[in-house]
Amino acid sequence: MKKLFGLALLTISFMAGAQTNSELLKHYEAYYSQMKSQGDTQGIINAMTHLNVLSPSEARKDTLAYIYMSGNQYMQALNTIGIEQNATDSDIAVEVKAVSLKAAKQPKLAIEHFEEMFKRQPNSVVAYELAELNMQIQNVSEADKHIAFGLTNSKADEKKAFYEKQTPYEVPMKAAFMYLNAVSTYSKDKTANIDAAVDILDTTLKEAPNFNLIQITKNELLRQKQALQQAEQPKN
Protein backbone atom coordinates (compact mmCIF):
# COMPACT_ATOMS: atom_id res chain seq x y z
CA MET A 1 0.00 0.00 0.00
CA LYS A 2 2.79 2.41 0.94
CA LYS A 3 4.59 1.56 -2.30
CA LEU A 4 1.47 2.27 -4.33
CA PHE A 5 0.96 5.56 -2.48
CA GLY A 6 4.57 6.58 -3.10
CA LEU A 7 4.30 5.67 -6.78
CA ALA A 8 1.13 7.73 -7.10
CA LEU A 9 2.81 10.75 -5.51
CA LEU A 10 5.80 10.37 -7.86
CA THR A 11 3.49 10.15 -10.89
CA ILE A 12 1.53 13.23 -9.80
CA SER A 13 4.75 15.12 -9.13
CA PHE A 14 6.13 14.17 -12.57
CA MET A 15 2.90 15.21 -14.32
CA ALA A 16 2.84 18.50 -12.44
CA GLY A 17 6.46 19.14 -13.36
CA ALA A 18 5.81 18.35 -17.01
CA GLN A 19 2.77 20.61 -17.02
CA THR A 20 4.74 23.43 -15.39
CA ASN A 21 7.57 23.03 -17.91
CA SER A 22 5.09 23.06 -20.79
CA GLU A 23 3.39 26.16 -19.42
CA LEU A 24 6.74 27.91 -19.00
CA LEU A 25 7.69 27.06 -22.57
CA LYS A 26 4.44 28.53 -23.85
CA HIS A 27 4.96 31.61 -21.67
CA TYR A 28 8.49 32.30 -22.94
CA GLU A 29 7.56 31.54 -26.54
CA ALA A 30 4.83 34.18 -26.25
CA TYR A 31 7.24 36.52 -24.46
CA TYR A 32 9.81 35.99 -27.22
CA SER A 33 7.24 36.86 -29.91
CA GLN A 34 6.20 39.96 -28.00
CA MET A 35 9.78 41.16 -27.55
CA LYS A 36 10.44 40.63 -31.28
CA SER A 37 7.38 42.67 -32.19
CA GLN A 38 8.60 45.47 -29.89
CA GLY A 39 12.18 45.32 -31.15
CA ASP A 40 13.42 44.80 -27.58
CA THR A 41 16.80 43.10 -28.01
CA GLN A 42 17.45 42.49 -24.33
CA GLY A 43 13.96 41.04 -23.95
CA ILE A 44 14.59 38.73 -26.90
CA ILE A 45 17.86 37.58 -25.30
CA ASN A 46 16.15 36.94 -21.96
CA ALA A 47 13.35 34.96 -23.61
CA MET A 48 15.70 32.86 -25.75
CA THR A 49 17.94 32.14 -22.74
CA HIS A 50 14.97 30.83 -20.77
CA LEU A 51 13.75 28.77 -23.73
CA ASN A 52 17.19 27.23 -24.17
CA VAL A 53 17.35 26.33 -20.46
CA LEU A 54 13.87 24.80 -20.50
CA SER A 55 14.30 22.99 -23.82
CA PRO A 56 17.94 23.06 -25.01
CA SER A 57 18.66 22.82 -28.72
CA GLU A 58 21.49 23.75 -31.06
CA ALA A 59 19.12 25.92 -33.09
CA ARG A 60 18.15 27.98 -30.03
CA LYS A 61 21.77 28.31 -28.94
CA ASP A 62 22.79 29.42 -32.43
CA THR A 63 19.96 31.95 -32.52
CA LEU A 64 20.92 33.36 -29.12
CA ALA A 65 24.57 33.69 -30.17
CA TYR A 66 23.51 35.40 -33.42
CA ILE A 67 21.41 37.93 -31.47
CA TYR A 68 24.41 38.72 -29.26
CA MET A 69 26.64 39.13 -32.32
CA SER A 70 24.12 41.40 -34.04
CA GLY A 71 24.15 43.62 -30.95
CA ASN A 72 27.99 43.80 -30.98
CA GLN A 73 28.14 41.65 -27.83
CA TYR A 74 30.84 39.45 -29.28
CA MET A 75 32.21 37.87 -26.11
CA GLN A 76 28.69 36.91 -25.01
CA ALA A 77 28.17 35.33 -28.44
CA LEU A 78 31.37 33.32 -28.15
CA ASN A 79 30.60 32.30 -24.57
CA THR A 80 27.25 31.01 -25.79
CA ILE A 81 28.48 29.08 -28.82
CA GLY A 82 32.19 28.42 -28.22
CA ILE A 83 35.10 28.96 -30.61
CA GLU A 84 35.81 25.40 -31.73
CA GLN A 85 35.52 24.46 -35.39
CA ASN A 86 32.97 21.66 -35.80
CA ALA A 87 31.98 20.04 -39.08
CA THR A 88 28.39 19.83 -37.84
CA ASP A 89 28.10 23.58 -37.10
CA SER A 90 25.19 25.32 -38.78
CA ASP A 91 25.87 28.18 -41.21
CA ILE A 92 24.72 30.59 -38.49
CA ALA A 93 27.15 29.12 -35.95
CA VAL A 94 30.08 29.39 -38.36
CA GLU A 95 29.25 33.02 -39.15
CA VAL A 96 28.88 33.94 -35.47
CA LYS A 97 32.27 32.42 -34.61
CA ALA A 98 34.01 34.06 -37.58
CA VAL A 99 32.61 37.55 -37.08
CA SER A 100 32.90 37.51 -33.28
CA LEU A 101 36.50 36.26 -33.28
CA LYS A 102 37.44 38.94 -35.81
CA ALA A 103 35.83 41.59 -33.58
CA ALA A 104 37.68 40.12 -30.58
CA LYS A 105 40.96 40.66 -32.48
CA GLN A 106 41.71 36.96 -32.91
CA PRO A 107 42.48 36.91 -36.66
CA LYS A 108 44.06 33.44 -36.80
CA LEU A 109 41.04 31.84 -35.12
CA ALA A 110 38.62 33.92 -37.17
CA ILE A 111 40.30 32.82 -40.42
CA GLU A 112 39.48 29.16 -39.69
CA HIS A 113 35.76 29.91 -39.58
CA PHE A 114 35.78 32.33 -42.52
CA GLU A 115 37.52 29.60 -44.53
CA GLU A 116 34.69 27.23 -43.61
CA MET A 117 32.17 29.87 -44.71
CA PHE A 118 34.03 30.26 -48.01
CA LYS A 119 34.14 26.50 -48.51
CA ARG A 120 30.38 26.26 -48.04
CA GLN A 121 29.55 29.28 -50.19
CA PRO A 122 32.40 31.02 -52.05
CA ASN A 123 31.67 34.71 -52.53
CA SER A 124 33.50 38.03 -52.68
CA VAL A 125 32.27 39.26 -49.27
CA VAL A 126 33.89 36.35 -47.42
CA ALA A 127 36.92 36.50 -49.74
CA TYR A 128 37.45 40.13 -48.67
CA GLU A 129 37.37 39.16 -45.00
CA LEU A 130 39.90 36.40 -45.63
CA ALA A 131 42.18 38.68 -47.65
CA GLU A 132 42.08 41.40 -44.99
CA LEU A 133 42.66 39.00 -42.08
CA ASN A 134 45.56 37.27 -43.84
CA MET A 135 47.13 40.67 -44.50
CA GLN A 136 46.87 41.36 -40.75
CA ILE A 137 48.88 38.25 -39.91
CA GLN A 138 51.27 38.93 -42.82
CA ASN A 139 50.28 35.83 -44.76
CA VAL A 140 50.51 37.74 -48.03
CA SER A 141 50.42 34.75 -50.39
CA GLU A 142 47.12 33.57 -48.90
CA ALA A 143 45.75 37.13 -49.00
CA ASP A 144 46.71 37.41 -52.68
CA LYS A 145 44.72 34.25 -53.45
CA HIS A 146 41.55 35.80 -52.07
CA ILE A 147 42.27 39.19 -53.66
CA ALA A 148 42.54 37.47 -57.04
CA PHE A 149 39.20 35.74 -56.42
CA GLY A 150 37.57 39.04 -55.49
CA LEU A 151 38.94 40.94 -58.48
CA THR A 152 37.57 38.24 -60.78
CA ASN A 153 34.25 37.47 -59.10
CA SER A 154 33.02 40.74 -57.57
CA LYS A 155 29.59 41.65 -58.94
CA ALA A 156 28.74 45.13 -60.18
CA ASP A 157 26.03 45.64 -57.55
CA GLU A 158 28.16 44.53 -54.57
CA LYS A 159 29.39 47.25 -52.22
CA LYS A 160 31.87 47.49 -49.37
CA ALA A 161 31.41 49.99 -46.54
CA PHE A 162 34.27 52.00 -45.02
CA TYR A 163 34.20 53.90 -41.74
CA GLU A 164 37.36 56.01 -41.46
CA LYS A 165 35.31 59.18 -42.09
CA GLN A 166 32.71 60.55 -39.71
CA THR A 167 30.11 59.57 -42.28
CA PRO A 168 30.44 55.96 -43.51
CA TYR A 169 30.45 55.46 -47.27
CA GLU A 170 30.36 52.61 -49.76
CA VAL A 171 32.48 51.75 -52.79
CA PRO A 172 32.18 48.96 -55.36
CA MET A 173 33.49 45.68 -53.99
CA LYS A 174 35.96 45.40 -56.88
CA ALA A 175 37.46 48.76 -55.88
CA ALA A 176 37.86 47.47 -52.33
CA PHE A 177 39.85 44.50 -53.65
CA MET A 178 41.95 46.83 -55.81
CA TYR A 179 42.82 48.74 -52.65
CA LEU A 180 43.89 45.51 -50.93
CA ASN A 181 45.93 44.67 -54.02
CA ALA A 182 47.80 47.98 -53.67
CA VAL A 183 48.45 47.30 -49.97
CA SER A 184 49.69 43.79 -50.79
CA THR A 185 51.97 45.10 -53.55
CA TYR A 186 53.50 47.65 -51.18
CA SER A 187 53.96 45.12 -48.36
CA LYS A 188 56.16 42.89 -50.56
CA ASP A 189 58.81 45.61 -50.90
CA LYS A 190 58.16 48.82 -48.99
CA THR A 191 60.87 50.67 -50.90
CA ALA A 192 60.83 49.41 -54.47
CA ASN A 193 57.05 48.95 -54.79
CA ILE A 194 55.81 52.37 -53.72
CA ASP A 195 55.26 53.60 -57.28
CA ALA A 196 53.52 50.37 -58.31
CA ALA A 197 51.19 50.61 -55.32
CA VAL A 198 50.42 54.28 -56.08
CA ASP A 199 49.59 53.36 -59.69
CA ILE A 200 47.05 50.80 -58.45
CA LEU A 201 45.57 53.39 -56.08
CA ASP A 202 45.23 55.91 -58.93
CA THR A 203 43.40 53.33 -61.04
CA THR A 204 41.16 52.49 -58.10
CA LEU A 205 40.29 56.15 -57.58
CA LYS A 206 38.96 56.27 -61.16
CA GLU A 207 36.68 53.34 -60.31
CA ALA A 208 35.52 54.91 -57.04
CA PRO A 209 36.14 58.70 -56.82
CA ASN A 210 34.58 58.81 -53.33
CA PHE A 211 37.07 56.26 -51.94
CA ASN A 212 38.54 58.46 -49.21
CA LEU A 213 40.88 55.78 -47.85
CA ILE A 214 42.65 55.64 -51.23
CA GLN A 215 43.69 59.28 -51.00
CA ILE A 216 44.86 58.87 -47.40
CA THR A 217 46.96 55.82 -48.32
CA LYS A 218 48.35 57.46 -51.46
CA ASN A 219 49.42 60.56 -49.51
CA GLU A 220 51.19 58.39 -46.94
CA LEU A 221 53.02 56.39 -49.62
CA LEU A 222 54.15 59.57 -51.38
CA ARG A 223 55.34 60.95 -48.03
CA GLN A 224 57.39 57.80 -47.50
CA LYS A 225 58.82 58.06 -51.02
CA GLN A 226 59.88 61.66 -50.41
CA ALA A 227 61.50 60.69 -47.10
CA LEU A 228 63.46 57.91 -48.83
CA GLN A 229 64.62 60.29 -51.56
CA GLN A 230 65.76 62.83 -49.02
CA ALA A 231 67.66 60.16 -47.09
CA GLU A 232 69.47 59.15 -50.27
CA GLN A 233 70.67 62.66 -51.05
CA PRO A 234 74.33 63.23 -50.17
CA LYS A 235 74.91 65.42 -47.14
CA ASN A 236 77.20 68.44 -47.51
C-alpha atoms as a PDB file:
ATOM      1  CA  MET A   1       0.000   0.000   0.000  1.00  0.00           C
ATOM      2  CA  LYS A   2       2.790   2.410   0.940  1.00  0.00           C
ATOM      3  CA  LYS A   3       4.585   1.559  -2.304  1.00  0.00           C
ATOM      4  CA  LEU A   4       1.474   2.272  -4.330  1.00  0.00           C
ATOM      5  CA  PHE A   5       0.962   5.563  -2.476  1.00  0.00           C
ATOM      6  CA  GLY A   6       4.571   6.584  -3.101  1.00  0.00           C
ATOM      7  CA  LEU A   7       4.300   5.672  -6.780  1.00  0.00           C
ATOM      8  CA  ALA A   8       1.129   7.726  -7.097  1.00  0.00           C
ATOM      9  CA  LEU A   9       2.808  10.745  -5.513  1.00  0.00           C
ATOM     10  CA  LEU A  10       5.796  10.370  -7.856  1.00  0.00           C
ATOM     11  CA  THR A  11       3.493  10.153 -10.886  1.00  0.00           C
ATOM     12  CA  ILE A  12       1.532  13.230  -9.800  1.00  0.00           C
ATOM     13  CA  SER A  13       4.747  15.120  -9.131  1.00  0.00           C
ATOM     14  CA  PHE A  14       6.127  14.174 -12.569  1.00  0.00           C
ATOM     15  CA  MET A  15       2.904  15.207 -14.319  1.00  0.00           C
ATOM     16  CA  ALA A  16       2.836  18.497 -12.445  1.00  0.00           C
ATOM     17  CA  GLY A  17       6.456  19.142 -13.355  1.00  0.00           C
ATOM     18  CA  ALA A  18       5.808  18.355 -17.010  1.00  0.00           C
ATOM     19  CA  GLN A  19       2.770  20.607 -17.020  1.00  0.00           C
ATOM     20  CA  THR A  20       4.744  23.426 -15.386  1.00  0.00           C
ATOM     21  CA  ASN A  21       7.567  23.028 -17.906  1.00  0.00           C
ATOM     22  CA  SER A  22       5.088  23.064 -20.792  1.00  0.00           C
ATOM     23  CA  GLU A  23       3.393  26.157 -19.420  1.00  0.00           C
ATOM     24  CA  LEU A  24       6.743  27.910 -18.998  1.00  0.00           C
ATOM     25  CA  LEU A  25       7.694  27.061 -22.572  1.00  0.00           C
ATOM     26  CA  LYS A  26       4.441  28.530 -23.847  1.00  0.00           C
ATOM     27  CA  HIS A  27       4.955  31.607 -21.671  1.00  0.00           C
ATOM     28  CA  TYR A  28       8.494  32.296 -22.942  1.00  0.00           C
ATOM     29  CA  GLU A  29       7.558  31.543 -26.540  1.00  0.00           C
ATOM     30  CA  ALA A  30       4.827  34.180 -26.250  1.00  0.00           C
ATOM     31  CA  TYR A  31       7.243  36.523 -24.457  1.00  0.00           C
ATOM     32  CA  TYR A  32       9.812  35.990 -27.223  1.00  0.00           C
ATOM     33  CA  SER A  33       7.238  36.855 -29.906  1.00  0.00           C
ATOM     34  CA  GLN A  34       6.197  39.960 -28.003  1.00  0.00           C
ATOM     35  CA  MET A  35       9.780  41.163 -27.548  1.00  0.00           C
ATOM     36  CA  LYS A  36      10.435  40.628 -31.275  1.00  0.00           C
ATOM     37  CA  SER A  37       7.382  42.674 -32.189  1.00  0.00           C
ATOM     38  CA  GLN A  38       8.599  45.474 -29.885  1.00  0.00           C
ATOM     39  CA  GLY A  39      12.178  45.321 -31.150  1.00  0.00           C
ATOM     40  CA  ASP A  40      13.418  44.798 -27.580  1.00  0.00           C
ATOM     41  CA  THR A  41      16.805  43.102 -28.011  1.00  0.00           C
ATOM     42  CA  GLN A  42      17.448  42.488 -24.334  1.00  0.00           C
ATOM     43  CA  GLY A  43      13.963  41.045 -23.948  1.00  0.00           C
ATOM     44  CA  ILE A  44      14.593  38.730 -26.901  1.00  0.00           C
ATOM     45  CA  ILE A  45      17.861  37.576 -25.303  1.00  0.00           C
ATOM     46  CA  ASN A  46      16.145  36.935 -21.962  1.00  0.00           C
ATOM     47  CA  ALA A  47      13.351  34.960 -23.608  1.00  0.00           C
ATOM     48  CA  MET A  48      15.697  32.865 -25.748  1.00  0.00           C
ATOM     49  CA  THR A  49      17.943  32.141 -22.743  1.00  0.00           C
ATOM     50  CA  HIS A  50      14.967  30.828 -20.772  1.00  0.00           C
ATOM     51  CA  LEU A  51      13.750  28.770 -23.734  1.00  0.00           C
ATOM     52  CA  ASN A  52      17.188  27.230 -24.168  1.00  0.00           C
ATOM     53  CA  VAL A  53      17.351  26.330 -20.464  1.00  0.00           C
ATOM     54  CA  LEU A  54      13.871  24.800 -20.504  1.00  0.00           C
ATOM     55  CA  SER A  55      14.298  22.990 -23.820  1.00  0.00           C
ATOM     56  CA  PRO A  56      17.940  23.057 -25.008  1.00  0.00           C
ATOM     57  CA  SER A  57      18.659  22.821 -28.723  1.00  0.00           C
ATOM     58  CA  GLU A  58      21.493  23.752 -31.062  1.00  0.00           C
ATOM     59  CA  ALA A  59      19.119  25.925 -33.087  1.00  0.00           C
ATOM     60  CA  ARG A  60      18.153  27.979 -30.029  1.00  0.00           C
ATOM     61  CA  LYS A  61      21.771  28.306 -28.943  1.00  0.00           C
ATOM     62  CA  ASP A  62      22.785  29.422 -32.432  1.00  0.00           C
ATOM     63  CA  THR A  63      19.957  31.949 -32.515  1.00  0.00           C
ATOM     64  CA  LEU A  64      20.922  33.360 -29.120  1.00  0.00           C
ATOM     65  CA  ALA A  65      24.570  33.695 -30.175  1.00  0.00           C
ATOM     66  CA  TYR A  66      23.507  35.399 -33.419  1.00  0.00           C
ATOM     67  CA  ILE A  67      21.412  37.926 -31.474  1.00  0.00           C
ATOM     68  CA  TYR A  68      24.410  38.719 -29.258  1.00  0.00           C
ATOM     69  CA  MET A  69      26.641  39.127 -32.320  1.00  0.00           C
ATOM     70  CA  SER A  70      24.115  41.401 -34.036  1.00  0.00           C
ATOM     71  CA  GLY A  71      24.150  43.618 -30.954  1.00  0.00           C
ATOM     72  CA  ASN A  72      27.988  43.801 -30.977  1.00  0.00           C
ATOM     73  CA  GLN A  73      28.136  41.646 -27.829  1.00  0.00           C
ATOM     74  CA  TYR A  74      30.837  39.453 -29.279  1.00  0.00           C
ATOM     75  CA  MET A  75      32.208  37.868 -26.115  1.00  0.00           C
ATOM     76  CA  GLN A  76      28.694  36.908 -25.012  1.00  0.00           C
ATOM     77  CA  ALA A  77      28.169  35.333 -28.445  1.00  0.00           C
ATOM     78  CA  LEU A  78      31.369  33.317 -28.146  1.00  0.00           C
ATOM     79  CA  ASN A  79      30.602  32.302 -24.567  1.00  0.00           C
ATOM     80  CA  THR A  80      27.246  31.009 -25.793  1.00  0.00           C
ATOM     81  CA  ILE A  81      28.481  29.082 -28.818  1.00  0.00           C
ATOM     82  CA  GLY A  82      32.193  28.415 -28.224  1.00  0.00           C
ATOM     83  CA  ILE A  83      35.103  28.956 -30.610  1.00  0.00           C
ATOM     84  CA  GLU A  84      35.813  25.395 -31.733  1.00  0.00           C
ATOM     85  CA  GLN A  85      35.523  24.456 -35.389  1.00  0.00           C
ATOM     86  CA  ASN A  86      32.970  21.659 -35.799  1.00  0.00           C
ATOM     87  CA  ALA A  87      31.982  20.039 -39.084  1.00  0.00           C
ATOM     88  CA  THR A  88      28.388  19.833 -37.837  1.00  0.00           C
ATOM     89  CA  ASP A  89      28.100  23.575 -37.103  1.00  0.00           C
ATOM     90  CA  SER A  90      25.186  25.324 -38.781  1.00  0.00           C
ATOM     91  CA  ASP A  91      25.873  28.177 -41.206  1.00  0.00           C
ATOM     92  CA  ILE A  92      24.724  30.592 -38.493  1.00  0.00           C
ATOM     93  CA  ALA A  93      27.149  29.123 -35.952  1.00  0.00           C
ATOM     94  CA  VAL A  94      30.084  29.388 -38.361  1.00  0.00           C
ATOM     95  CA  GLU A  95      29.248  33.015 -39.150  1.00  0.00           C
ATOM     96  CA  VAL A  96      28.884  33.936 -35.470  1.00  0.00           C
ATOM     97  CA  LYS A  97      32.271  32.423 -34.608  1.00  0.00           C
ATOM     98  CA  ALA A  98      34.009  34.058 -37.583  1.00  0.00           C
ATOM     99  CA  VAL A  99      32.612  37.554 -37.083  1.00  0.00           C
ATOM    100  CA  SER A 100      32.901  37.512 -33.285  1.00  0.00           C
ATOM    101  CA  LEU A 101      36.500  36.258 -33.279  1.00  0.00           C
ATOM    102  CA  LYS A 102      37.443  38.938 -35.810  1.00  0.00           C
ATOM    103  CA  ALA A 103      35.832  41.586 -33.579  1.00  0.00           C
ATOM    104  CA  ALA A 104      37.681  40.118 -30.577  1.00  0.00           C
ATOM    105  CA  LYS A 105      40.965  40.656 -32.481  1.00  0.00           C
ATOM    106  CA  GLN A 106      41.709  36.963 -32.910  1.00  0.00           C
ATOM    107  CA  PRO A 107      42.481  36.913 -36.657  1.00  0.00           C
ATOM    108  CA  LYS A 108      44.056  33.444 -36.802  1.00  0.00           C
ATOM    109  CA  LEU A 109      41.044  31.841 -35.117  1.00  0.00           C
ATOM    110  CA  ALA A 110      38.625  33.922 -37.174  1.00  0.00           C
ATOM    111  CA  ILE A 111      40.297  32.816 -40.422  1.00  0.00           C
ATOM    112  CA  GLU A 112      39.479  29.155 -39.689  1.00  0.00           C
ATOM    113  CA  HIS A 113      35.765  29.911 -39.581  1.00  0.00           C
ATOM    114  CA  PHE A 114      35.780  32.333 -42.524  1.00  0.00           C
ATOM    115  CA  GLU A 115      37.524  29.597 -44.529  1.00  0.00           C
ATOM    116  CA  GLU A 116      34.693  27.232 -43.611  1.00  0.00           C
ATOM    117  CA  MET A 117      32.170  29.871 -44.713  1.00  0.00           C
ATOM    118  CA  PHE A 118      34.034  30.265 -48.006  1.00  0.00           C
ATOM    119  CA  LYS A 119      34.145  26.498 -48.512  1.00  0.00           C
ATOM    120  CA  ARG A 120      30.381  26.255 -48.036  1.00  0.00           C
ATOM    121  CA  GLN A 121      29.554  29.280 -50.194  1.00  0.00           C
ATOM    122  CA  PRO A 122      32.405  31.016 -52.053  1.00  0.00           C
ATOM    123  CA  ASN A 123      31.668  34.712 -52.534  1.00  0.00           C
ATOM    124  CA  SER A 124      33.501  38.029 -52.678  1.00  0.00           C
ATOM    125  CA  VAL A 125      32.268  39.258 -49.269  1.00  0.00           C
ATOM    126  CA  VAL A 126      33.892  36.351 -47.416  1.00  0.00           C
ATOM    127  CA  ALA A 127      36.920  36.496 -49.738  1.00  0.00           C
ATOM    128  CA  TYR A 128      37.455  40.127 -48.674  1.00  0.00           C
ATOM    129  CA  GLU A 129      37.371  39.163 -45.000  1.00  0.00           C
ATOM    130  CA  LEU A 130      39.903  36.399 -45.625  1.00  0.00           C
ATOM    131  CA  ALA A 131      42.178  38.684 -47.649  1.00  0.00           C
ATOM    132  CA  GLU A 132      42.084  41.397 -44.991  1.00  0.00           C
ATOM    133  CA  LEU A 133      42.658  39.001 -42.081  1.00  0.00           C
ATOM    134  CA  ASN A 134      45.557  37.271 -43.842  1.00  0.00           C
ATOM    135  CA  MET A 135      47.134  40.668 -44.499  1.00  0.00           C
ATOM    136  CA  GLN A 136      46.871  41.357 -40.754  1.00  0.00           C
ATOM    137  CA  ILE A 137      48.881  38.251 -39.911  1.00  0.00           C
ATOM    138  CA  GLN A 138      51.274  38.928 -42.822  1.00  0.00           C
ATOM    139  CA  ASN A 139      50.279  35.828 -44.762  1.00  0.00           C
ATOM    140  CA  VAL A 140      50.513  37.739 -48.034  1.00  0.00           C
ATOM    141  CA  SER A 141      50.418  34.747 -50.394  1.00  0.00           C
ATOM    142  CA  GLU A 142      47.117  33.573 -48.896  1.00  0.00           C
ATOM    143  CA  ALA A 143      45.753  37.128 -49.002  1.00  0.00           C
ATOM    144  CA  ASP A 144      46.709  37.407 -52.682  1.00  0.00           C
ATOM    145  CA  LYS A 145      44.721  34.252 -53.453  1.00  0.00           C
ATOM    146  CA  HIS A 146      41.547  35.801 -52.070  1.00  0.00           C
ATOM    147  CA  ILE A 147      42.274  39.191 -53.657  1.00  0.00           C
ATOM    148  CA  ALA A 148      42.540  37.470 -57.043  1.00  0.00           C
ATOM    149  CA  PHE A 149      39.201  35.737 -56.420  1.00  0.00           C
ATOM    150  CA  GLY A 150      37.566  39.036 -55.494  1.00  0.00           C
ATOM    151  CA  LEU A 151      38.944  40.941 -58.481  1.00  0.00           C
ATOM    152  CA  THR A 152      37.570  38.237 -60.783  1.00  0.00           C
ATOM    153  CA  ASN A 153      34.247  37.474 -59.098  1.00  0.00           C
ATOM    154  CA  SER A 154      33.018  40.744 -57.566  1.00  0.00           C
ATOM    155  CA  LYS A 155      29.593  41.649 -58.942  1.00  0.00           C
ATOM    156  CA  ALA A 156      28.742  45.133 -60.178  1.00  0.00           C
ATOM    157  CA  ASP A 157      26.030  45.641 -57.548  1.00  0.00           C
ATOM    158  CA  GLU A 158      28.160  44.528 -54.570  1.00  0.00           C
ATOM    159  CA  LYS A 159      29.389  47.246 -52.223  1.00  0.00           C
ATOM    160  CA  LYS A 160      31.872  47.487 -49.372  1.00  0.00           C
ATOM    161  CA  ALA A 161      31.409  49.989 -46.538  1.00  0.00           C
ATOM    162  CA  PHE A 162      34.266  51.999 -45.017  1.00  0.00           C
ATOM    163  CA  TYR A 163      34.205  53.897 -41.740  1.00  0.00           C
ATOM    164  CA  GLU A 164      37.362  56.009 -41.463  1.00  0.00           C
ATOM    165  CA  LYS A 165      35.310  59.178 -42.087  1.00  0.00           C
ATOM    166  CA  GLN A 166      32.710  60.550 -39.706  1.00  0.00           C
ATOM    167  CA  THR A 167      30.110  59.572 -42.276  1.00  0.00           C
ATOM    168  CA  PRO A 168      30.445  55.963 -43.506  1.00  0.00           C
ATOM    169  CA  TYR A 169      30.449  55.459 -47.268  1.00  0.00           C
ATOM    170  CA  GLU A 170      30.365  52.606 -49.761  1.00  0.00           C
ATOM    171  CA  VAL A 171      32.475  51.745 -52.787  1.00  0.00           C
ATOM    172  CA  PRO A 172      32.179  48.957 -55.364  1.00  0.00           C
ATOM    173  CA  MET A 173      33.495  45.677 -53.989  1.00  0.00           C
ATOM    174  CA  LYS A 174      35.957  45.399 -56.882  1.00  0.00           C
ATOM    175  CA  ALA A 175      37.460  48.757 -55.881  1.00  0.00           C
ATOM    176  CA  ALA A 176      37.863  47.466 -52.331  1.00  0.00           C
ATOM    177  CA  PHE A 177      39.846  44.495 -53.652  1.00  0.00           C
ATOM    178  CA  MET A 178      41.946  46.831 -55.812  1.00  0.00           C
ATOM    179  CA  TYR A 179      42.816  48.743 -52.650  1.00  0.00           C
ATOM    180  CA  LEU A 180      43.895  45.511 -50.932  1.00  0.00           C
ATOM    181  CA  ASN A 181      45.934  44.671 -54.020  1.00  0.00           C
ATOM    182  CA  ALA A 182      47.797  47.979 -53.666  1.00  0.00           C
ATOM    183  CA  VAL A 183      48.455  47.299 -49.971  1.00  0.00           C
ATOM    184  CA  SER A 184      49.689  43.790 -50.786  1.00  0.00           C
ATOM    185  CA  THR A 185      51.973  45.101 -53.545  1.00  0.00           C
ATOM    186  CA  TYR A 186      53.500  47.645 -51.179  1.00  0.00           C
ATOM    187  CA  SER A 187      53.956  45.116 -48.362  1.00  0.00           C
ATOM    188  CA  LYS A 188      56.155  42.893 -50.555  1.00  0.00           C
ATOM    189  CA  ASP A 189      58.807  45.607 -50.902  1.00  0.00           C
ATOM    190  CA  LYS A 190      58.164  48.823 -48.990  1.00  0.00           C
ATOM    191  CA  THR A 191      60.868  50.671 -50.899  1.00  0.00           C
ATOM    192  CA  ALA A 192      60.830  49.408 -54.468  1.00  0.00           C
ATOM    193  CA  ASN A 193      57.054  48.947 -54.787  1.00  0.00           C
ATOM    194  CA  ILE A 194      55.807  52.375 -53.722  1.00  0.00           C
ATOM    195  CA  ASP A 195      55.262  53.596 -57.284  1.00  0.00           C
ATOM    196  CA  ALA A 196      53.516  50.370 -58.308  1.00  0.00           C
ATOM    197  CA  ALA A 197      51.186  50.607 -55.316  1.00  0.00           C
ATOM    198  CA  VAL A 198      50.423  54.278 -56.077  1.00  0.00           C
ATOM    199  CA  ASP A 199      49.590  53.360 -59.689  1.00  0.00           C
ATOM    200  CA  ILE A 200      47.047  50.803 -58.454  1.00  0.00           C
ATOM    201  CA  LEU A 201      45.571  53.391 -56.084  1.00  0.00           C
ATOM    202  CA  ASP A 202      45.230  55.910 -58.932  1.00  0.00           C
ATOM    203  CA  THR A 203      43.401  53.333 -61.043  1.00  0.00           C
ATOM    204  CA  THR A 204      41.156  52.487 -58.096  1.00  0.00           C
ATOM    205  CA  LEU A 205      40.289  56.152 -57.584  1.00  0.00           C
ATOM    206  CA  LYS A 206      38.963  56.271 -61.156  1.00  0.00           C
ATOM    207  CA  GLU A 207      36.685  53.344 -60.309  1.00  0.00           C
ATOM    208  CA  ALA A 208      35.523  54.914 -57.040  1.00  0.00           C
ATOM    209  CA  PRO A 209      36.137  58.700 -56.824  1.00  0.00           C
ATOM    210  CA  ASN A 210      34.579  58.808 -53.334  1.00  0.00           C
ATOM    211  CA  PHE A 211      37.069  56.264 -51.945  1.00  0.00           C
ATOM    212  CA  ASN A 212      38.536  58.465 -49.214  1.00  0.00           C
ATOM    213  CA  LEU A 213      40.882  55.780 -47.852  1.00  0.00           C
ATOM    214  CA  ILE A 214      42.649  55.643 -51.232  1.00  0.00           C
ATOM    215  CA  GLN A 215      43.692  59.283 -50.999  1.00  0.00           C
ATOM    216  CA  ILE A 216      44.860  58.867 -47.396  1.00  0.00           C
ATOM    217  CA  THR A 217      46.955  55.816 -48.320  1.00  0.00           C
ATOM    218  CA  LYS A 218      48.350  57.459 -51.459  1.00  0.00           C
ATOM    219  CA  ASN A 219      49.423  60.561 -49.514  1.00  0.00           C
ATOM    220  CA  GLU A 220      51.188  58.389 -46.940  1.00  0.00           C
ATOM    221  CA  LEU A 221      53.024  56.390 -49.620  1.00  0.00           C
ATOM    222  CA  LEU A 222      54.154  59.575 -51.381  1.00  0.00           C
ATOM    223  CA  ARG A 223      55.339  60.951 -48.031  1.00  0.00           C
ATOM    224  CA  GLN A 224      57.394  57.803 -47.498  1.00  0.00           C
ATOM    225  CA  LYS A 225      58.817  58.057 -51.025  1.00  0.00           C
ATOM    226  CA  GLN A 226      59.881  61.655 -50.414  1.00  0.00           C
ATOM    227  CA  ALA A 227      61.498  60.689 -47.096  1.00  0.00           C
ATOM    228  CA  LEU A 228      63.458  57.913 -48.826  1.00  0.00           C
ATOM    229  CA  GLN A 229      64.624  60.287 -51.557  1.00  0.00           C
ATOM    230  CA  GLN A 230      65.765  62.835 -49.017  1.00  0.00           C
ATOM    231  CA  ALA A 231      67.657  60.156 -47.087  1.00  0.00           C
ATOM    232  CA  GLU A 232      69.475  59.147 -50.265  1.00  0.00           C
ATOM    233  CA  GLN A 233      70.674  62.662 -51.045  1.00  0.00           C
ATOM    234  CA  PRO A 234      74.328  63.235 -50.171  1.00  0.00           C
ATOM    235  CA  LYS A 235      74.907  65.418 -47.142  1.00  0.00           C
ATOM    236  CA  ASN A 236      77.203  68.440 -47.507  1.00  0.00           C
END
